[in-house]
């Protein structure tokens, strides 16, 4: 078996199992069994489970980051010195993701599940790895979002970005299930590209919505 084939088998198995079970719940033995390789092969190619987790993310994020940087370059060149609009910025991000070559039809769905797990499970090493390796495109995206929403306070922008990321992670990680529900309930077929096309204006509207937050009054305790 060629080295590249062995690495791909390990990464494919790890990606699928991590998405299904989580990082802590997936053992190297489960991965080697699914990949049909021995433990020595994992240790040889990756060295540790943490390094394998990093490699799973890098396989998607490294080419995606390059594509996204090119998309931002093109966008800012077209805007000729003016800040891109929020819709334009979100489209650049979304189109970069959906245009990525996928190894299988559930590629984006699986990766979005993994990305959600990176922030909901205790994986400090992974967050550190992502910040070190991909801070440039992420910081550029944050700058473009800030320029497109000057009316927002830093706190409002922070929360709206979190809500936007949450909606995106849920929708794209569940895209296969959502497609099935739409087909069963309404008899309509759709694609990941169409889901993204519907998601972007929703996200943009949420980021730009008027601030009408209602703060509940303080709870009063009755005195007997």
Protein backbone atom coordinates (compact mmCIF):
# COMPACT_ATOMS: atom_id res chain seq x y z
CA UNK A 1 0.00 0.00 0.00
CA UNK A 2 1.45 3.41 -1.01
CA UNK A 3 2.20 5.91 1.76
CA UNK A 4 -0.24 8.49 0.36
CA UNK A 5 -3.01 5.87 0.24
CA UNK A 6 -2.31 4.88 3.84
CA UNK A 7 -2.43 8.52 4.99
CA UNK A 8 -5.71 9.10 3.13
CA UNK A 9 -7.25 5.97 4.65
CA UNK A 10 -6.30 7.10 8.15
CA UNK A 11 -7.54 10.66 7.60
CA UNK A 12 -10.81 9.49 6.03
CA UNK A 13 -11.50 7.14 8.93
CA UNK A 14 -10.51 9.69 11.57
CA UNK A 15 -12.62 12.42 9.97
CA UNK A 16 -15.72 10.25 9.88
CA UNK A 17 -15.32 8.84 13.40
CA UNK A 18 -14.48 12.20 14.98
CA UNK A 19 -17.61 13.71 13.38
CA UNK A 20 -19.80 10.81 14.56
CA UNK A 21 -18.41 10.23 18.05
CA UNK A 22 -16.35 13.25 19.04
CA UNK A 23 -12.63 13.55 19.63
CA UNK A 24 -12.33 12.14 23.14
CA UNK A 25 -14.71 9.26 22.44
CA UNK A 26 -12.78 8.10 19.37
CA UNK A 27 -9.74 5.95 20.08
CA UNK A 28 -6.81 5.35 17.77
CA UNK A 29 -7.75 1.67 17.78
CA UNK A 30 -11.18 2.54 16.32
CA UNK A 31 -9.49 4.60 13.62
CA UNK A 32 -6.98 1.90 12.70
CA UNK A 33 -9.75 -0.71 12.56
CA UNK A 34 -11.87 1.42 10.21
CA UNK A 35 -8.87 2.40 8.08
CA UNK A 36 -7.61 -1.21 7.99
CA UNK A 37 -4.10 -0.21 9.07
CA UNK A 38 -2.07 -0.94 12.17
CA UNK A 39 -1.31 1.43 15.03
CA UNK A 40 2.31 1.71 13.95
CA UNK A 41 1.16 3.36 10.71
CA UNK A 42 -0.68 6.09 12.63
CA UNK A 43 2.31 6.69 14.87
CA UNK A 44 4.66 6.75 11.88
CA UNK A 45 2.65 9.24 9.81
CA UNK A 46 1.23 11.45 12.57
CA UNK A 47 3.02 10.76 15.83
CA UNK A 48 0.09 11.36 18.15
CA UNK A 49 -3.69 11.59 18.28
CA UNK A 50 -3.53 15.38 18.62
CA UNK A 51 -1.37 15.63 15.51
CA UNK A 52 -3.88 13.43 13.67
CA UNK A 53 -6.71 15.77 14.69
CA UNK A 54 -4.70 18.72 13.39
CA UNK A 55 -4.08 16.91 10.11
CA UNK A 56 -7.80 16.24 9.66
CA UNK A 57 -8.52 19.97 9.94
CA UNK A 58 -5.52 20.99 7.84
CA UNK A 59 -6.65 18.78 4.96
CA UNK A 60 -9.70 21.02 4.51
CA UNK A 61 -8.55 24.36 5.93
CA UNK A 62 -5.23 24.74 4.13
CA UNK A 63 -6.68 24.72 0.59
CA UNK A 64 -9.80 26.55 1.80
CA UNK A 65 -7.70 29.35 3.31
CA UNK A 66 -5.81 29.81 0.04
CA UNK A 67 -9.08 29.91 -1.92
CA UNK A 68 -10.57 32.37 0.57
CA UNK A 69 -7.56 34.69 0.41
CA UNK A 70 -7.85 34.75 -3.39
CA UNK A 71 -11.59 35.49 -3.10
CA UNK A 72 -10.92 38.38 -0.71
CA UNK A 73 -8.19 39.70 -3.03
CA UNK A 74 -10.62 39.68 -5.96
CA UNK A 75 -13.40 41.23 -3.87
CA UNK A 76 -11.29 44.12 -2.57
CA UNK A 77 -9.88 44.76 -6.05
CA UNK A 78 -13.42 44.99 -7.47
CA UNK A 79 -14.46 47.37 -4.70
CA UNK A 80 -11.64 49.75 -5.70
CA UNK A 81 -10.80 51.04 -2.24
CA UNK A 82 -14.33 51.00 -0.85
CA UNK A 83 -15.17 48.53 1.92
CA UNK A 84 -17.00 45.46 0.58
CA UNK A 85 -20.59 45.14 1.69
CA UNK A 86 -21.61 42.55 4.24
CA UNK A 87 -23.35 40.47 1.58
CA UNK A 88 -20.26 40.52 -0.61
CA UNK A 89 -18.02 39.43 2.26
CA UNK A 90 -20.31 36.59 3.28
CA UNK A 91 -20.68 35.45 -0.33
CA UNK A 92 -16.91 35.34 -0.73
CA UNK A 93 -16.63 33.10 2.32
CA UNK A 94 -19.55 30.85 1.36
CA UNK A 95 -18.59 30.44 -2.29
CA UNK A 96 -15.04 29.58 -1.29
CA UNK A 97 -16.38 26.77 0.90
CA UNK A 98 -18.88 25.28 -1.55
CA UNK A 99 -16.42 25.45 -4.46
CA UNK A 100 -13.86 23.37 -2.59
CA UNK A 101 -13.28 19.95 -4.20
CA UNK A 102 -14.99 17.37 -1.99
CA UNK A 103 -13.78 13.82 -1.43
CA UNK A 104 -17.39 12.76 -0.91
CA UNK A 105 -20.87 14.30 -1.07
CA UNK A 106 -20.95 14.91 2.68
CA UNK A 107 -17.59 16.66 2.86
CA UNK A 108 -18.81 20.09 3.98
CA UNK A 109 -21.38 18.59 6.34
CA UNK A 110 -18.75 16.47 8.07
CA UNK A 111 -16.26 19.32 8.33
CA UNK A 112 -18.82 21.72 9.82
CA UNK A 113 -19.61 19.09 12.47
CA UNK A 114 -15.92 18.87 13.26
CA UNK A 115 -15.60 22.64 13.44
CA UNK A 116 -18.47 22.78 15.91
CA UNK A 117 -16.86 20.08 18.02
CA UNK A 118 -13.62 22.05 18.09
CA UNK A 119 -15.38 24.72 20.14
CA UNK A 120 -17.82 22.65 22.17
CA UNK A 121 -15.42 19.96 23.34
CA UNK A 122 -12.34 20.55 25.46
CA UNK A 123 -9.72 20.68 22.72
CA UNK A 124 -7.40 23.52 23.71
CA UNK A 125 -4.59 22.14 21.55
CA UNK A 126 -6.84 22.29 18.48
CA UNK A 127 -7.99 25.87 19.07
CA UNK A 128 -4.33 26.86 19.53
CA UNK A 129 -3.41 25.07 16.29
CA UNK A 130 -6.20 26.80 14.35
CA UNK A 131 -5.24 30.22 15.70
CA UNK A 132 -1.57 29.69 14.84
CA UNK A 133 -2.06 28.27 11.36
CA UNK A 134 -5.11 30.14 10.07
CA UNK A 135 -5.12 33.48 11.89
CA UNK A 136 -4.43 35.48 8.70
CA UNK A 137 -7.57 34.64 6.68
CA UNK A 138 -9.70 34.63 9.85
CA UNK A 139 -8.41 38.07 10.91
CA UNK A 140 -9.02 39.40 7.42
CA UNK A 141 -12.60 38.12 7.50
CA UNK A 142 -13.13 39.76 10.90
CA UNK A 143 -11.74 43.06 9.55
CA UNK A 144 -14.10 42.97 6.57
CA UNK A 145 -17.05 42.23 8.86
CA UNK A 146 -16.11 45.17 11.08
CA UNK A 147 -15.80 47.52 8.10
CA UNK A 148 -19.19 46.36 6.80
CA UNK A 149 -20.95 46.91 10.15
CA UNK A 150 -19.62 50.21 11.55
CA UNK A 151 -22.97 50.84 13.26
CA UNK A 152 -22.46 47.95 15.67
CA UNK A 153 -20.70 48.19 18.99
CA UNK A 154 -17.88 45.73 19.62
CA UNK A 155 -20.12 43.76 22.00
CA UNK A 156 -23.06 43.63 19.59
CA UNK A 157 -20.78 42.59 16.75
CA UNK A 158 -19.23 39.85 18.89
CA UNK A 159 -22.59 38.30 19.74
CA UNK A 160 -23.97 38.57 16.24
CA UNK A 161 -20.90 36.84 14.84
CA UNK A 162 -21.39 34.01 17.35
CA UNK A 163 -25.07 33.69 16.34
CA UNK A 164 -24.07 33.75 12.68
CA UNK A 165 -21.46 31.03 13.17
CA UNK A 166 -23.94 28.94 15.15
CA UNK A 167 -26.60 29.17 12.45
CA UNK A 168 -24.04 28.32 9.78
CA UNK A 169 -22.61 25.36 11.69
CA UNK A 170 -26.06 23.90 12.38
CA UNK A 171 -27.36 24.38 8.84
CA UNK A 172 -24.30 23.16 6.96
CA UNK A 173 -23.54 20.26 9.33
CA UNK A 174 -27.16 19.11 9.00
CA UNK A 175 -27.48 19.80 5.29
CA UNK A 176 -28.04 16.15 4.34
CA UNK A 177 -30.82 15.75 6.92
CA UNK A 178 -32.39 19.08 5.94
CA UNK A 179 -32.36 18.04 2.28
CA UNK A 180 -34.16 14.80 3.18
CA UNK A 181 -36.78 16.64 5.25
CA UNK A 182 -37.45 19.12 2.45
CA UNK A 183 -37.86 16.28 -0.04
CA UNK A 184 -40.16 14.29 2.24
CA UNK A 185 -42.30 17.22 3.42
CA UNK A 186 -42.51 19.39 0.30
CA UNK A 187 -41.31 17.16 -2.51
CA UNK A 188 -38.53 19.62 -3.34
CA UNK A 189 -34.92 18.69 -4.03
CA UNK A 190 -32.10 21.06 -3.20
CA UNK A 191 -28.30 21.20 -3.17
CA UNK A 192 -25.67 22.40 -0.73
CA UNK A 193 -25.06 25.37 -3.04
CA UNK A 194 -28.74 26.33 -2.89
CA UNK A 195 -28.78 25.99 0.90
CA UNK A 196 -25.79 28.34 1.11
CA UNK A 197 -27.51 30.79 -1.26
CA UNK A 198 -30.51 30.94 1.10
CA UNK A 199 -28.33 31.14 4.20
CA UNK A 200 -26.24 34.18 3.22
CA UNK A 201 -29.04 36.79 3.07
CA UNK A 202 -30.43 35.44 6.35
CA UNK A 203 -27.04 35.87 8.03
CA UNK A 204 -26.57 39.34 6.57
CA UNK A 205 -30.01 40.44 7.78
CA UNK A 206 -29.24 39.16 11.28
CA UNK A 207 -25.92 40.99 11.40
CA UNK A 208 -27.57 44.25 10.31
CA UNK A 209 -30.82 43.98 12.27
CA UNK A 210 -31.92 46.92 14.37
CA UNK A 211 -30.91 46.54 17.99
CA UNK A 212 -34.18 45.96 19.84
CA UNK A 213 -32.87 43.79 22.66
CA UNK A 214 -35.33 43.63 25.53
CA UNK A 215 -33.73 43.38 28.95
CA UNK A 216 -36.06 41.62 31.43
CA UNK A 217 -36.73 43.53 34.64
CA UNK A 218 -34.91 42.34 37.75
CA UNK A 219 -36.67 39.56 39.58
CA UNK A 220 -38.40 40.73 42.71
CA UNK A 221 -38.75 38.45 45.66
CA UNK A 222 -41.85 38.83 47.76
CA UNK A 223 -41.46 39.48 51.43
CA UNK A 224 -43.89 37.60 53.65
